[in-house]
C-alpha atoms as a PDB file:
ATOM      1  CA  MET A   1      -7.931   5.130 -18.984  1.00  0.00           C
ATOM      2  CA  LYS A   2      -7.283   5.366 -15.240  1.00  0.00           C
ATOM      3  CA  ALA A   3      -4.648   3.771 -13.009  1.00  0.00           C
ATOM      4  CA  ARG A   4      -7.357   1.605 -11.432  1.00  0.00           C
ATOM      5  CA  ASP A   5      -7.998   0.051 -14.865  1.00  0.00           C
ATOM      6  CA  ILE A   6      -4.481  -1.369 -15.198  1.00  0.00           C
ATOM      7  CA  MET A   7      -3.111  -1.677 -11.657  1.00  0.00           C
ATOM      8  CA  THR A   8      -2.481  -4.898  -9.796  1.00  0.00           C
ATOM      9  CA  GLN A   9      -4.959  -4.603  -6.943  1.00  0.00           C
ATOM     10  CA  ASN A  10      -4.164  -5.231  -3.280  1.00  0.00           C
ATOM     11  CA  PRO A  11      -0.532  -6.280  -3.691  1.00  0.00           C
ATOM     12  CA  ARG A  12       1.183  -8.230  -0.941  1.00  0.00           C
ATOM     13  CA  VAL A  13       2.997  -5.949   1.494  1.00  0.00           C
ATOM     14  CA  VAL A  14       5.769  -6.106   4.082  1.00  0.00           C
ATOM     15  CA  THR A  15       6.691  -3.949   7.064  1.00  0.00           C
ATOM     16  CA  PRO A  16      10.038  -2.309   7.849  1.00  0.00           C
ATOM     17  CA  GLU A  17      10.609  -5.067  10.443  1.00  0.00           C
ATOM     18  CA  THR A  18      10.156  -7.917   7.944  1.00  0.00           C
ATOM     19  CA  SER A  19      13.399  -9.753   7.237  1.00  0.00           C
ATOM     20  CA  VAL A  20      14.873  -9.182   3.798  1.00  0.00           C
ATOM     21  CA  GLN A  21      14.990 -12.948   3.356  1.00  0.00           C
ATOM     22  CA  GLU A  22      11.218 -13.146   3.931  1.00  0.00           C
ATOM     23  CA  ALA A  23      10.648 -10.259   1.511  1.00  0.00           C
ATOM     24  CA  ALA A  24      12.724 -12.074  -1.132  1.00  0.00           C
ATOM     25  CA  ARG A  25      10.742 -15.289  -0.539  1.00  0.00           C
ATOM     26  CA  LEU A  26       7.499 -13.362  -0.946  1.00  0.00           C
ATOM     27  CA  MET A  27       8.759 -11.771  -4.176  1.00  0.00           C
ATOM     28  CA  LYS A  28       9.557 -15.245  -5.501  1.00  0.00           C
ATOM     29  CA  THR A  29       6.164 -16.656  -4.480  1.00  0.00           C
ATOM     30  CA  GLU A  30       4.266 -13.681  -5.910  1.00  0.00           C
ATOM     31  CA  ASP A  31       6.491 -13.456  -9.010  1.00  0.00           C
ATOM     32  CA  THR A  32       7.140  -9.757  -8.471  1.00  0.00           C
ATOM     33  CA  GLY A  33      10.176  -7.534  -8.224  1.00  0.00           C
ATOM     34  CA  VAL A  34       8.645  -5.033  -5.803  1.00  0.00           C
ATOM     35  CA  LEU A  35       6.754  -5.014  -2.530  1.00  0.00           C
ATOM     36  CA  PRO A  36       5.093  -2.017  -0.930  1.00  0.00           C
ATOM     37  CA  VAL A  37       6.289  -1.386   2.634  1.00  0.00           C
ATOM     38  CA  VAL A  38       3.547  -0.430   5.095  1.00  0.00           C
ATOM     39  CA  ASP A  39       3.993   1.050   8.556  1.00  0.00           C
ATOM     40  CA  SER A  40       2.806  -1.997  10.539  1.00  0.00           C
ATOM     41  CA  GLU A  41       1.026  -5.347  10.470  1.00  0.00           C
ATOM     42  CA  GLY A  42      -2.657  -4.812   9.748  1.00  0.00           C
ATOM     43  CA  SER A  43      -1.966  -1.442   8.138  1.00  0.00           C
ATOM     44  CA  ARG A  44      -1.822  -0.556   4.467  1.00  0.00           C
ATOM     45  CA  ARG A  45      -0.341   2.948   4.992  1.00  0.00           C
ATOM     46  CA  LEU A  46       2.565   3.146   2.578  1.00  0.00           C
ATOM     47  CA  VAL A  47       5.964   4.151   3.969  1.00  0.00           C
ATOM     48  CA  GLY A  48       8.239   2.805   1.223  1.00  0.00           C
ATOM     49  CA  VAL A  49       8.967   0.132  -1.351  1.00  0.00           C
ATOM     50  CA  ILE A  50      11.558  -2.597  -1.587  1.00  0.00           C
ATOM     51  CA  THR A  51      12.680  -4.079  -4.883  1.00  0.00           C
ATOM     52  CA  ASP A  52      14.724  -7.083  -5.847  1.00  0.00           C
ATOM     53  CA  ARG A  53      17.394  -4.614  -6.959  1.00  0.00           C
ATOM     54  CA  ASP A  54      17.363  -2.949  -3.516  1.00  0.00           C
ATOM     55  CA  ILE A  55      18.047  -6.341  -1.958  1.00  0.00           C
ATOM     56  CA  ALA A  56      20.826  -7.133  -4.430  1.00  0.00           C
ATOM     57  CA  ILE A  57      22.575  -3.774  -4.105  1.00  0.00           C
ATOM     58  CA  ARG A  58      21.926  -2.701  -0.511  1.00  0.00           C
ATOM     59  CA  VAL A  59      22.068  -6.065   1.228  1.00  0.00           C
ATOM     60  CA  VAL A  60      23.929  -8.643  -0.864  1.00  0.00           C
ATOM     61  CA  GLY A  61      26.259  -6.092  -2.468  1.00  0.00           C
ATOM     62  CA  ASP A  62      27.149  -4.645   0.926  1.00  0.00           C
ATOM     63  CA  GLY A  63      27.855  -8.111   2.330  1.00  0.00           C
ATOM     64  CA  MET A  64      25.097  -8.059   4.958  1.00  0.00           C
ATOM     65  CA  SER A  65      24.307 -11.560   6.191  1.00  0.00           C
ATOM     66  CA  SER A  66      20.931 -10.537   7.574  1.00  0.00           C
ATOM     67  CA  ALA A  67      18.854  -7.409   7.340  1.00  0.00           C
ATOM     68  CA  GLN A  68      15.384  -6.032   7.768  1.00  0.00           C
ATOM     69  CA  VAL A  69      13.374  -4.394   5.018  1.00  0.00           C
ATOM     70  CA  ARG A  70      14.083  -1.000   6.638  1.00  0.00           C
ATOM     71  CA  ASP A  71      17.786  -1.515   5.778  1.00  0.00           C
ATOM     72  CA  ALA A  72      17.147  -1.782   2.043  1.00  0.00           C
ATOM     73  CA  MET A  73      13.834  -0.058   1.263  1.00  0.00           C
ATOM     74  CA  SER A  74      13.328   3.256  -0.468  1.00  0.00           C
ATOM     75  CA  ALA A  75      11.265   5.514   1.791  1.00  0.00           C
ATOM     76  CA  ASN A  76       8.558   7.933   0.653  1.00  0.00           C
ATOM     77  CA  PRO A  77       8.172   6.689  -2.926  1.00  0.00           C
ATOM     78  CA  LYS A  78       6.344   8.670  -5.585  1.00  0.00           C
ATOM     79  CA  THR A  79       2.718   7.519  -5.685  1.00  0.00           C
ATOM     80  CA  CYS A  80      -0.371   7.960  -7.809  1.00  0.00           C
ATOM     81  CA  ARG A  81      -4.110   7.684  -7.113  1.00  0.00           C
ATOM     82  CA  PRO A  82      -6.552   5.153  -8.576  1.00  0.00           C
ATOM     83  CA  ASP A  83      -8.348   7.884 -10.535  1.00  0.00           C
ATOM     84  CA  ASP A  84      -5.155   9.329 -12.041  1.00  0.00           C
ATOM     85  CA  ASN A  85      -4.983   9.136 -15.797  1.00  0.00           C
ATOM     86  CA  VAL A  86      -2.517   6.522 -17.104  1.00  0.00           C
ATOM     87  CA  LYS A  87      -0.738   9.369 -18.911  1.00  0.00           C
ATOM     88  CA  ASP A  88      -0.080  10.953 -15.496  1.00  0.00           C
ATOM     89  CA  VAL A  89       1.143   7.621 -14.101  1.00  0.00           C
ATOM     90  CA  LEU A  90       3.574   7.350 -17.016  1.00  0.00           C
ATOM     91  CA  GLN A  91       4.770  10.886 -16.354  1.00  0.00           C
ATOM     92  CA  ALA A  92       5.323  10.099 -12.672  1.00  0.00           C
ATOM     93  CA  MET A  93       7.314   6.984 -13.609  1.00  0.00           C
ATOM     94  CA  SER A  94       9.363   8.997 -16.069  1.00  0.00           C
ATOM     95  CA  ASP A  95       9.994  11.901 -13.680  1.00  0.00           C
ATOM     96  CA  SER A  96      11.060   9.566 -10.868  1.00  0.00           C
ATOM     97  CA  GLN A  97      12.899   7.161 -13.192  1.00  0.00           C
ATOM     98  CA  VAL A  98      11.140   4.133 -11.689  1.00  0.00           C
ATOM     99  CA  ARG A  99       9.543   1.093 -13.268  1.00  0.00           C
ATOM    100  CA  ARG A 100       6.712   0.751 -10.752  1.00  0.00           C
ATOM    101  CA  ILE A 101       4.401   3.199  -8.983  1.00  0.00           C
ATOM    102  CA  PRO A 102       2.352   2.369  -5.879  1.00  0.00           C
ATOM    103  CA  ILE A 103      -1.278   3.413  -6.084  1.00  0.00           C
ATOM    104  CA  VAL A 104      -2.662   4.825  -2.827  1.00  0.00           C
ATOM    105  CA  ASP A 105      -6.048   6.022  -1.632  1.00  0.00           C
ATOM    106  CA  ASP A 106      -6.746   9.418  -0.067  1.00  0.00           C
ATOM    107  CA  GLY A 107      -5.497   8.155   3.307  1.00  0.00           C
ATOM    108  CA  GLY A 108      -2.149   6.988   1.904  1.00  0.00           C
ATOM    109  CA  SER A 109      -3.037   3.297   2.046  1.00  0.00           C
ATOM    110  CA  VAL A 110      -1.729   1.144  -0.777  1.00  0.00           C
ATOM    111  CA  VAL A 111      -4.525  -0.215  -2.972  1.00  0.00           C
ATOM    112  CA  GLY A 112      -2.505  -1.260  -6.012  1.00  0.00           C
ATOM    113  CA  ILE A 113       0.658  -0.954  -8.028  1.00  0.00           C
ATOM    114  CA  VAL A 114       1.292  -0.133 -11.678  1.00  0.00           C
ATOM    115  CA  SER A 115       4.351  -1.511 -13.446  1.00  0.00           C
ATOM    116  CA  GLN A 116       5.825  -0.886 -16.882  1.00  0.00           C
ATOM    117  CA  ALA A 117       4.397  -4.229 -17.977  1.00  0.00           C
ATOM    118  CA  ASP A 118       0.876  -3.172 -16.941  1.00  0.00           C
ATOM    119  CA  VAL A 119       1.202  -0.008 -18.989  1.00  0.00           C
ATOM    120  CA  VAL A 120       2.680  -1.759 -22.035  1.00  0.00           C
ATOM    121  CA  LEU A 121      -0.103  -4.331 -22.091  1.00  0.00           C
ATOM    122  CA  GLU A 122      -2.888  -1.769 -21.844  1.00  0.00           C
ATOM    123  CA  THR A 123      -1.845   1.422 -23.616  1.00  0.00           C
ATOM    124  CA  ASP A 124      -0.444   3.081 -26.720  1.00  0.00           C
ATOM    125  CA  GLY A 125       3.091   1.899 -27.387  1.00  0.00           C
ATOM    126  CA  ARG A 126       4.606   5.224 -28.538  1.00  0.00           C
ATOM    127  CA  LYS A 127       4.153   7.099 -25.238  1.00  0.00           C
ATOM    128  CA  VAL A 128       5.267   4.004 -23.332  1.00  0.00           C
ATOM    129  CA  GLU A 129       8.397   3.757 -25.467  1.00  0.00           C
ATOM    130  CA  LYS A 130       9.394   7.333 -24.602  1.00  0.00           C
ATOM    131  CA  THR A 131       8.715   6.724 -20.906  1.00  0.00           C
ATOM    132  CA  ILE A 132      10.794   3.528 -20.805  1.00  0.00           C
ATOM    133  CA  GLU A 133      13.613   5.312 -22.603  1.00  0.00           C
ATOM    134  CA  LYS A 134      13.622   8.080 -19.974  1.00  0.00           C
ATOM    135  CA  ILE A 135      13.330   5.656 -17.042  1.00  0.00           C
ATOM    136  CA  SER A 136      16.244   3.617 -18.378  1.00  0.00           C
ATOM    137  CA  GLN A 137      18.695   6.511 -18.714  1.00  0.00           C
ATOM    138  CA  PRO A 138      22.013   5.969 -16.910  1.00  0.00           C
ATOM    139  CA  GLY A 139      21.891   6.879 -13.253  1.00  0.00           C
ATOM    140  CA  ALA A 140      18.232   5.931 -12.916  1.00  0.00           C
ATOM    141  CA  ASN A 141      16.985   4.905  -9.466  1.00  0.00           C
ATOM    142  CA  ASN A 142      15.268   1.739 -10.550  1.00  0.00           C
END
């Protein structure tokens, strides 16, 4: 099974200049905890990701009253390709201790995203269990 078989295709994206408030609104509307960050409007070239946790810790936790996505995003996230085997996607998630992996094409443009939930719903539970255990270790960046 390949990443393309389980990924959420063409996820909504934001730019570094998007307000964090708008990113949070979009997360609520889309019922997601992560948004890929692309370099500019009209582009899909991935430059980072922003999560609901990033907003809580880096904006709310630091007492910022307003911020842009660039203030809270994680730059240069680990990525996978649509043709990568799901086993390799799980390994990338485990190695990076993240719950979601952006899927990019050969040009670095985001075409999808794979989350733990996608993997759990579509694959063998034993390997997933080990991956989730490793991702969830204390000190994880998730």
